[in-house]
Amino acid sequence: MTAYALNAMNSLLSRSRSGRCPTLTKEQIHQLVEAAVDAEVPGTSMALLLRLYAQSFANQGQLHEAYRALDSAAIAGAGVAAVLEKADLALGAGDLTTATEALSSAVAANGWRKEESFRIERLQGILDKKLLAAAGPGPKVSTLQ
């Protein structure tokens, strides 16, 4: 499993998501990524492979499996990047509970890179807006005349 193979899988997933991979189905691409994960090839970046696995699950609408793969990726070395990917995925799916938990976990983590700090701020802003919208309008205040 070379860097080139991982890049090819990433490209296939990206094209599949945007509808530009008419030859392979989402299921076939998922089976390819799954076979790579199951093979556990020494020297392979399992963190990256697990992130691709999560994308493959998300591609098929299997959100909770994607979350589990991202949790595994974080443990395998992807760290905060995988946690932020989980928050982003959850926000896109309207799963505000998971998004809140993932962002809280990311904020509590140590050793952020500059780009992760910006991403945390951006995702937190999106989450805040969605939480506010979900709360609905506040109570009406009547004034006595």
N, C-alpha and C. Protein backbone atom coordinates (compact mmCIF):
# COMPACT_ATOMS: atom_id res chain seq x y z
N MET A 1 0.85 -1.17 0.00
CA MET A 1 0.00 0.00 0.00
C MET A 1 0.90 1.23 0.00
N THR A 2 1.11 1.78 -1.15
CA THR A 2 2.01 2.93 -1.29
C THR A 2 1.22 4.23 -1.14
N ALA A 3 1.97 5.31 -1.06
CA ALA A 3 1.33 6.63 -1.03
C ALA A 3 0.52 6.86 -2.30
N TYR A 4 1.00 6.29 -3.41
CA TYR A 4 0.28 6.44 -4.68
C TYR A 4 -1.07 5.72 -4.64
N ALA A 5 -1.08 4.54 -4.01
CA ALA A 5 -2.34 3.79 -3.90
C ALA A 5 -3.33 4.54 -3.01
N LEU A 6 -2.84 5.09 -1.92
CA LEU A 6 -3.71 5.88 -1.03
C LEU A 6 -4.24 7.10 -1.76
N ASN A 7 -3.40 7.75 -2.54
CA ASN A 7 -3.82 8.91 -3.31
C ASN A 7 -4.88 8.52 -4.34
N ALA A 8 -4.69 7.36 -4.97
CA ALA A 8 -5.67 6.88 -5.96
C ALA A 8 -7.02 6.61 -5.29
N MET A 9 -7.00 6.01 -4.10
CA MET A 9 -8.25 5.76 -3.37
C MET A 9 -8.93 7.07 -3.01
N ASN A 10 -8.15 8.03 -2.57
CA ASN A 10 -8.69 9.34 -2.24
C ASN A 10 -9.34 9.97 -3.46
N SER A 11 -8.69 9.86 -4.60
CA SER A 11 -9.22 10.40 -5.85
C SER A 11 -10.52 9.70 -6.24
N LEU A 12 -10.56 8.39 -6.12
CA LEU A 12 -11.77 7.64 -6.44
C LEU A 12 -12.94 8.07 -5.55
N LEU A 13 -12.66 8.22 -4.26
CA LEU A 13 -13.71 8.64 -3.33
C LEU A 13 -14.22 10.04 -3.67
N SER A 14 -13.31 10.92 -3.96
CA SER A 14 -13.67 12.29 -4.30
C SER A 14 -14.52 12.33 -5.57
N ARG A 15 -14.10 11.59 -6.57
CA ARG A 15 -14.85 11.56 -7.83
C ARG A 15 -16.21 10.91 -7.64
N SER A 16 -16.26 9.88 -6.83
CA SER A 16 -17.53 9.20 -6.57
C SER A 16 -18.52 10.14 -5.88
N ARG A 17 -18.01 10.89 -4.89
CA ARG A 17 -18.86 11.84 -4.16
C ARG A 17 -19.47 12.88 -5.08
N SER A 18 -18.68 13.31 -6.07
CA SER A 18 -19.16 14.36 -6.96
C SER A 18 -19.84 13.80 -8.21
N GLY A 19 -20.01 12.47 -8.26
CA GLY A 19 -20.70 11.86 -9.38
C GLY A 19 -19.86 11.75 -10.64
N ARG A 20 -18.54 11.83 -10.51
CA ARG A 20 -17.65 11.78 -11.67
C ARG A 20 -16.90 10.46 -11.78
N CYS A 21 -17.47 9.39 -11.23
CA CYS A 21 -16.84 8.07 -11.34
C CYS A 21 -17.91 7.08 -11.81
N PRO A 22 -18.24 7.12 -13.09
CA PRO A 22 -19.33 6.27 -13.58
C PRO A 22 -18.98 4.79 -13.68
N THR A 23 -17.70 4.43 -13.66
CA THR A 23 -17.28 3.05 -13.86
C THR A 23 -17.46 2.21 -12.60
N LEU A 24 -17.11 2.77 -11.45
CA LEU A 24 -17.21 2.04 -10.19
C LEU A 24 -18.36 2.57 -9.34
N THR A 25 -19.07 1.66 -8.70
CA THR A 25 -20.14 2.08 -7.78
C THR A 25 -19.52 2.48 -6.44
N LYS A 26 -20.30 3.17 -5.64
CA LYS A 26 -19.83 3.54 -4.30
C LYS A 26 -19.51 2.29 -3.50
N GLU A 27 -20.31 1.24 -3.68
CA GLU A 27 -20.07 -0.02 -2.97
C GLU A 27 -18.76 -0.67 -3.40
N GLN A 28 -18.45 -0.64 -4.69
CA GLN A 28 -17.19 -1.22 -5.16
C GLN A 28 -15.99 -0.45 -4.61
N ILE A 29 -16.10 0.85 -4.58
CA ILE A 29 -15.01 1.66 -4.03
C ILE A 29 -14.87 1.37 -2.54
N HIS A 30 -15.99 1.24 -1.85
CA HIS A 30 -15.97 0.92 -0.42
C HIS A 30 -15.28 -0.43 -0.19
N GLN A 31 -15.59 -1.41 -1.02
CA GLN A 31 -14.97 -2.74 -0.88
C GLN A 31 -13.46 -2.66 -1.09
N LEU A 32 -13.03 -1.83 -2.00
CA LEU A 32 -11.60 -1.63 -2.24
C LEU A 32 -10.92 -1.05 -1.01
N VAL A 33 -11.50 -0.01 -0.45
CA VAL A 33 -10.92 0.63 0.74
C VAL A 33 -10.97 -0.34 1.93
N GLU A 34 -12.08 -1.05 2.06
CA GLU A 34 -12.22 -2.00 3.15
C GLU A 34 -11.17 -3.11 3.07
N ALA A 35 -10.90 -3.60 1.86
CA ALA A 35 -9.87 -4.63 1.69
C ALA A 35 -8.50 -4.10 2.11
N ALA A 36 -8.23 -2.85 1.82
CA ALA A 36 -6.95 -2.25 2.23
C ALA A 36 -6.87 -2.13 3.75
N VAL A 37 -7.97 -1.75 4.38
CA VAL A 37 -7.99 -1.64 5.84
C VAL A 37 -7.79 -3.02 6.46
N ASP A 38 -8.50 -4.02 5.93
CA ASP A 38 -8.41 -5.38 6.48
C ASP A 38 -7.03 -5.99 6.30
N ALA A 39 -6.31 -5.59 5.23
CA ALA A 39 -4.99 -6.16 4.95
C ALA A 39 -3.94 -5.70 5.95
N GLU A 40 -4.15 -4.53 6.56
CA GLU A 40 -3.21 -3.97 7.54
C GLU A 40 -1.76 -4.11 7.06
N VAL A 41 -1.50 -3.60 5.88
CA VAL A 41 -0.17 -3.68 5.27
C VAL A 41 0.83 -2.90 6.12
N PRO A 42 1.94 -3.56 6.52
CA PRO A 42 2.95 -2.84 7.32
C PRO A 42 3.47 -1.61 6.54
N GLY A 43 3.70 -0.55 7.28
CA GLY A 43 4.24 0.66 6.67
C GLY A 43 3.16 1.57 6.10
N THR A 44 1.94 1.08 6.05
CA THR A 44 0.84 1.89 5.52
C THR A 44 0.39 2.87 6.59
N SER A 45 0.05 4.05 6.18
CA SER A 45 -0.49 5.03 7.12
C SER A 45 -1.93 4.63 7.44
N MET A 46 -2.09 3.88 8.52
CA MET A 46 -3.44 3.42 8.90
C MET A 46 -4.34 4.60 9.24
N ALA A 47 -3.77 5.66 9.78
CA ALA A 47 -4.59 6.83 10.12
C ALA A 47 -5.23 7.39 8.85
N LEU A 48 -4.44 7.54 7.79
CA LEU A 48 -4.98 8.05 6.53
C LEU A 48 -5.95 7.06 5.92
N LEU A 49 -5.61 5.80 5.94
CA LEU A 49 -6.47 4.77 5.37
C LEU A 49 -7.81 4.72 6.10
N LEU A 50 -7.79 4.87 7.41
CA LEU A 50 -9.04 4.87 8.18
C LEU A 50 -9.87 6.12 7.89
N ARG A 51 -9.23 7.23 7.61
CA ARG A 51 -9.97 8.44 7.21
C ARG A 51 -10.64 8.22 5.86
N LEU A 52 -9.94 7.55 4.94
CA LEU A 52 -10.55 7.22 3.65
C LEU A 52 -11.71 6.24 3.84
N TYR A 53 -11.54 5.33 4.76
CA TYR A 53 -12.60 4.36 5.08
C TYR A 53 -13.84 5.11 5.59
N ALA A 54 -13.62 6.09 6.44
CA ALA A 54 -14.73 6.90 6.95
C ALA A 54 -15.42 7.64 5.81
N GLN A 55 -14.63 8.20 4.90
CA GLN A 55 -15.22 8.89 3.75
C GLN A 55 -16.05 7.94 2.91
N SER A 56 -15.58 6.71 2.78
CA SER A 56 -16.30 5.70 2.01
C SER A 56 -17.64 5.37 2.67
N PHE A 57 -17.63 5.22 3.98
CA PHE A 57 -18.89 5.00 4.70
C PHE A 57 -19.83 6.19 4.52
N ALA A 58 -19.29 7.39 4.67
CA ALA A 58 -20.11 8.60 4.53
C ALA A 58 -20.68 8.70 3.12
N ASN A 59 -19.90 8.30 2.14
CA ASN A 59 -20.33 8.30 0.74
C ASN A 59 -21.59 7.46 0.54
N GLN A 60 -21.71 6.42 1.36
CA GLN A 60 -22.85 5.52 1.26
C GLN A 60 -23.96 5.87 2.25
N GLY A 61 -23.79 6.95 2.98
CA GLY A 61 -24.81 7.37 3.95
C GLY A 61 -24.76 6.61 5.26
N GLN A 62 -23.66 5.91 5.53
CA GLN A 62 -23.51 5.15 6.77
C GLN A 62 -22.75 5.98 7.78
N LEU A 63 -23.46 6.94 8.35
CA LEU A 63 -22.86 7.96 9.19
C LEU A 63 -22.18 7.40 10.44
N HIS A 64 -22.85 6.50 11.14
CA HIS A 64 -22.28 6.00 12.40
C HIS A 64 -21.04 5.15 12.16
N GLU A 65 -21.01 4.42 11.05
CA GLU A 65 -19.81 3.67 10.71
C GLU A 65 -18.67 4.63 10.37
N ALA A 66 -19.00 5.73 9.69
CA ALA A 66 -18.00 6.75 9.38
C ALA A 66 -17.44 7.35 10.67
N TYR A 67 -18.31 7.62 11.64
CA TYR A 67 -17.85 8.15 12.93
C TYR A 67 -16.87 7.17 13.58
N ARG A 68 -17.21 5.88 13.58
CA ARG A 68 -16.33 4.87 14.21
C ARG A 68 -14.97 4.82 13.51
N ALA A 69 -14.98 4.90 12.19
CA ALA A 69 -13.72 4.87 11.45
C ALA A 69 -12.87 6.10 11.79
N LEU A 70 -13.52 7.26 11.94
CA LEU A 70 -12.78 8.48 12.30
C LEU A 70 -12.24 8.40 13.72
N ASP A 71 -13.00 7.80 14.62
CA ASP A 71 -12.49 7.58 15.98
C ASP A 71 -11.24 6.70 15.94
N SER A 72 -11.29 5.65 15.13
CA SER A 72 -10.13 4.76 14.98
C SER A 72 -8.96 5.49 14.35
N ALA A 73 -9.24 6.35 13.38
CA ALA A 73 -8.18 7.13 12.73
C ALA A 73 -7.50 8.05 13.73
N ALA A 74 -8.29 8.67 14.60
CA ALA A 74 -7.72 9.56 15.61
C ALA A 74 -6.76 8.79 16.52
N ILE A 75 -7.16 7.59 16.91
CA ILE A 75 -6.33 6.75 17.78
C ILE A 75 -5.08 6.28 17.03
N ALA A 76 -5.22 6.02 15.72
CA ALA A 76 -4.11 5.50 14.91
C ALA A 76 -3.08 6.57 14.55
N GLY A 77 -3.36 7.83 14.92
CA GLY A 77 -2.36 8.87 14.69
C GLY A 77 -2.85 10.11 13.98
N ALA A 78 -4.09 10.11 13.50
CA ALA A 78 -4.61 11.30 12.81
C ALA A 78 -4.96 12.40 13.81
N GLY A 79 -5.19 12.03 15.05
CA GLY A 79 -5.42 12.99 16.12
C GLY A 79 -6.57 13.95 15.87
N VAL A 80 -6.30 15.22 16.14
CA VAL A 80 -7.32 16.27 16.07
C VAL A 80 -7.90 16.39 14.66
N ALA A 81 -7.11 16.13 13.64
CA ALA A 81 -7.60 16.24 12.27
C ALA A 81 -8.79 15.31 12.04
N ALA A 82 -8.73 14.08 12.56
CA ALA A 82 -9.83 13.13 12.40
C ALA A 82 -11.03 13.56 13.24
N VAL A 83 -10.78 14.10 14.41
CA VAL A 83 -11.87 14.56 15.27
C VAL A 83 -12.60 15.73 14.60
N LEU A 84 -11.84 16.63 13.98
CA LEU A 84 -12.46 17.75 13.28
C LEU A 84 -13.22 17.28 12.04
N GLU A 85 -12.70 16.26 11.38
CA GLU A 85 -13.40 15.68 10.24
C GLU A 85 -14.74 15.10 10.69
N LYS A 86 -14.74 14.48 11.86
CA LYS A 86 -15.98 13.93 12.43
C LYS A 86 -16.97 15.04 12.73
N ALA A 87 -16.48 16.13 13.32
CA ALA A 87 -17.35 17.27 13.62
C ALA A 87 -17.93 17.85 12.33
N ASP A 88 -17.09 17.99 11.32
CA ASP A 88 -17.53 18.52 10.04
C ASP A 88 -18.60 17.62 9.40
N LEU A 89 -18.36 16.32 9.43
CA LEU A 89 -19.32 15.36 8.89
C LEU A 89 -20.64 15.44 9.64
N ALA A 90 -20.56 15.50 10.95
CA ALA A 90 -21.77 15.58 11.78
C ALA A 90 -22.54 16.87 11.50
N LEU A 91 -21.84 17.98 11.36
CA LEU A 91 -22.51 19.25 11.05
C LEU A 91 -23.24 19.16 9.71
N GLY A 92 -22.58 18.58 8.72
CA GLY A 92 -23.19 18.44 7.41
C GLY A 92 -24.43 17.57 7.44
N ALA A 93 -24.46 16.62 8.35
CA ALA A 93 -25.60 15.71 8.47
C ALA A 93 -26.66 16.24 9.43
N GLY A 94 -26.39 17.38 10.06
CA GLY A 94 -27.35 17.93 11.02
C GLY A 94 -27.33 17.22 12.36
N ASP A 95 -26.29 16.45 12.64
CA ASP A 95 -26.14 15.72 13.91
C ASP A 95 -25.40 16.64 14.88
N LEU A 96 -26.15 17.54 15.49
CA LEU A 96 -25.54 18.57 16.33
C LEU A 96 -24.95 18.01 17.62
N THR A 97 -25.50 16.92 18.12
CA THR A 97 -24.97 16.31 19.34
C THR A 97 -23.56 15.78 19.10
N THR A 98 -23.38 15.02 18.03
CA THR A 98 -22.06 14.48 17.72
C THR A 98 -21.09 15.60 17.37
N ALA A 99 -21.56 16.60 16.64
CA ALA A 99 -20.71 17.74 16.28
C ALA A 99 -20.22 18.45 17.54
N THR A 100 -21.10 18.66 18.50
CA THR A 100 -20.75 19.32 19.75
C THR A 100 -19.72 18.50 20.52
N GLU A 101 -19.95 17.19 20.61
CA GLU A 101 -19.01 16.31 21.32
C GLU A 101 -17.64 16.30 20.65
N ALA A 102 -17.63 16.20 19.33
CA ALA A 102 -16.35 16.16 18.61
C ALA A 102 -15.59 17.47 18.76
N LEU A 103 -16.29 18.59 18.63
CA LEU A 103 -15.61 19.88 18.78
C LEU A 103 -15.09 20.08 20.20
N SER A 104 -15.85 19.64 21.19
CA SER A 104 -15.39 19.74 22.58
C SER A 104 -14.13 18.91 22.77
N SER A 105 -14.10 17.73 22.17
CA SER A 105 -12.93 16.87 22.25
C SER A 105 -11.73 17.51 21.56
N ALA A 106 -11.96 18.13 20.42
CA ALA A 106 -10.87 18.79 19.69
C ALA A 106 -10.31 19.96 20.49
N VAL A 107 -11.19 20.74 21.09
CA VAL A 107 -10.77 21.89 21.87
C VAL A 107 -9.93 21.44 23.07
N ALA A 108 -10.30 20.31 23.67
CA ALA A 108 -9.59 19.80 24.84
C ALA A 108 -8.24 19.17 24.49
N ALA A 109 -8.03 18.85 23.23
CA ALA A 109 -6.77 18.21 22.80
C ALA A 109 -5.61 19.20 22.86
N ASN A 110 -4.43 18.65 22.94
CA ASN A 110 -3.21 19.47 22.97
C ASN A 110 -2.51 19.45 21.63
N GLY A 111 -1.69 20.45 21.39
CA GLY A 111 -0.81 20.45 20.24
C GLY A 111 -1.46 20.74 18.90
N TRP A 112 -2.42 21.62 18.86
CA TRP A 112 -3.04 21.98 17.58
C TRP A 112 -2.02 22.63 16.68
N ARG A 113 -2.23 22.42 15.39
CA ARG A 113 -1.49 23.18 14.40
C ARG A 113 -2.34 24.41 14.07
N LYS A 114 -1.71 25.38 13.45
CA LYS A 114 -2.40 26.64 13.15
C LYS A 114 -3.67 26.42 12.32
N GLU A 115 -3.59 25.56 11.29
CA GLU A 115 -4.75 25.33 10.44
C GLU A 115 -5.87 24.62 11.20
N GLU A 116 -5.51 23.81 12.19
CA GLU A 116 -6.55 23.16 13.01
C GLU A 116 -7.25 24.18 13.89
N SER A 117 -6.51 25.15 14.37
CA SER A 117 -7.11 26.21 15.17
C SER A 117 -8.14 26.99 14.36
N PHE A 118 -7.79 27.32 13.11
CA PHE A 118 -8.73 28.02 12.24
C PHE A 118 -9.95 27.16 11.95
N ARG A 119 -9.72 25.87 11.74
CA ARG A 119 -10.84 24.97 11.43
C ARG A 119 -11.77 24.83 12.63
N ILE A 120 -11.19 24.76 13.83
CA ILE A 120 -12.01 24.69 15.04
C ILE A 120 -12.90 25.93 15.14
N GLU A 121 -12.31 27.09 14.91
CA GLU A 121 -13.09 28.34 14.97
C GLU A 121 -14.22 28.36 13.94
N ARG A 122 -13.90 27.92 12.71
CA ARG A 122 -14.90 27.91 11.65
C ARG A 122 -16.03 26.95 11.98
N LEU A 123 -15.68 25.73 12.41
CA LEU A 123 -16.70 24.74 12.73
C LEU A 123 -17.53 25.17 13.94
N GLN A 124 -16.87 25.80 14.91
CA GLN A 124 -17.62 26.28 16.09
C GLN A 124 -18.62 27.35 15.70
N GLY A 125 -18.24 28.23 14.78
CA GLY A 125 -19.17 29.26 14.30
C GLY A 125 -20.37 28.65 13.60
N ILE A 126 -20.13 27.64 12.77
CA ILE A 126 -21.23 26.95 12.08
C ILE A 126 -22.13 26.25 13.09
N LEU A 127 -21.51 25.57 14.06
CA LEU A 127 -22.29 24.87 15.09
C LEU A 127 -23.13 25.84 15.89
N ASP A 128 -22.55 26.96 16.29
CA ASP A 128 -23.29 27.96 17.07
C ASP A 128 -24.52 28.45 16.31
N LYS A 129 -24.36 28.72 15.01
CA LYS A 129 -25.49 29.16 14.19
C LYS A 129 -26.57 28.09 14.10
N LYS A 130 -26.16 26.83 13.93
CA LYS A 130 -27.12 25.74 13.82
C LYS A 130 -27.84 25.51 15.14
N LEU A 131 -27.11 25.60 16.25
CA LEU A 131 -27.74 25.44 17.56
C LEU A 131 -28.74 26.55 17.83
N LEU A 132 -28.38 27.76 17.43
CA LEU A 132 -29.28 28.90 17.60
C LEU A 132 -30.53 28.72 16.76
N ALA A 133 -30.36 28.26 15.53
CA ALA A 133 -31.51 28.04 14.65
C ALA A 133 -32.39 26.91 15.18
N ALA A 134 -31.76 25.87 15.75
CA ALA A 134 -32.52 24.73 16.28
C ALA A 134 -33.31 25.13 17.52
N ALA A 135 -32.79 26.10 18.27
CA ALA A 135 -33.48 26.55 19.48
C ALA A 135 -34.76 27.31 19.15
N GLY A 136 -34.82 27.84 17.94
CA GLY A 136 -36.02 28.58 17.52
C GLY A 136 -36.05 29.97 18.12
N PRO A 137 -37.11 30.68 17.81
CA PRO A 137 -37.23 32.04 18.33
C PRO A 137 -37.40 32.01 19.85
N GLY A 138 -36.88 33.02 20.48
CA GLY A 138 -37.00 33.13 21.93
C GLY A 138 -38.43 33.48 22.32
N PRO A 139 -38.70 33.48 23.60
CA PRO A 139 -40.06 33.81 24.05
C PRO A 139 -40.41 35.26 23.70
N LYS A 140 -41.66 35.44 23.39
CA LYS A 140 -42.12 36.80 23.07
C LYS A 140 -42.29 37.59 24.36
N VAL A 141 -41.82 38.78 24.31
CA VAL A 141 -41.92 39.66 25.47
C VAL A 141 -43.00 40.70 25.16
N SER A 142 -44.00 40.71 26.03
CA SER A 142 -45.05 41.70 25.79
C SER A 142 -44.78 42.90 26.69
N THR A 143 -45.12 44.04 26.18
CA THR A 143 -44.97 45.26 26.97
C THR A 143 -46.35 45.77 27.30
N LEU A 144 -46.49 46.18 28.51
CA LEU A 144 -47.77 46.75 28.94
C LEU A 144 -47.88 48.18 28.46
N GLN A 145 -49.04 48.53 28.01
CA GLN A 145 -49.23 49.89 27.52
C GLN A 145 -50.22 50.63 28.39
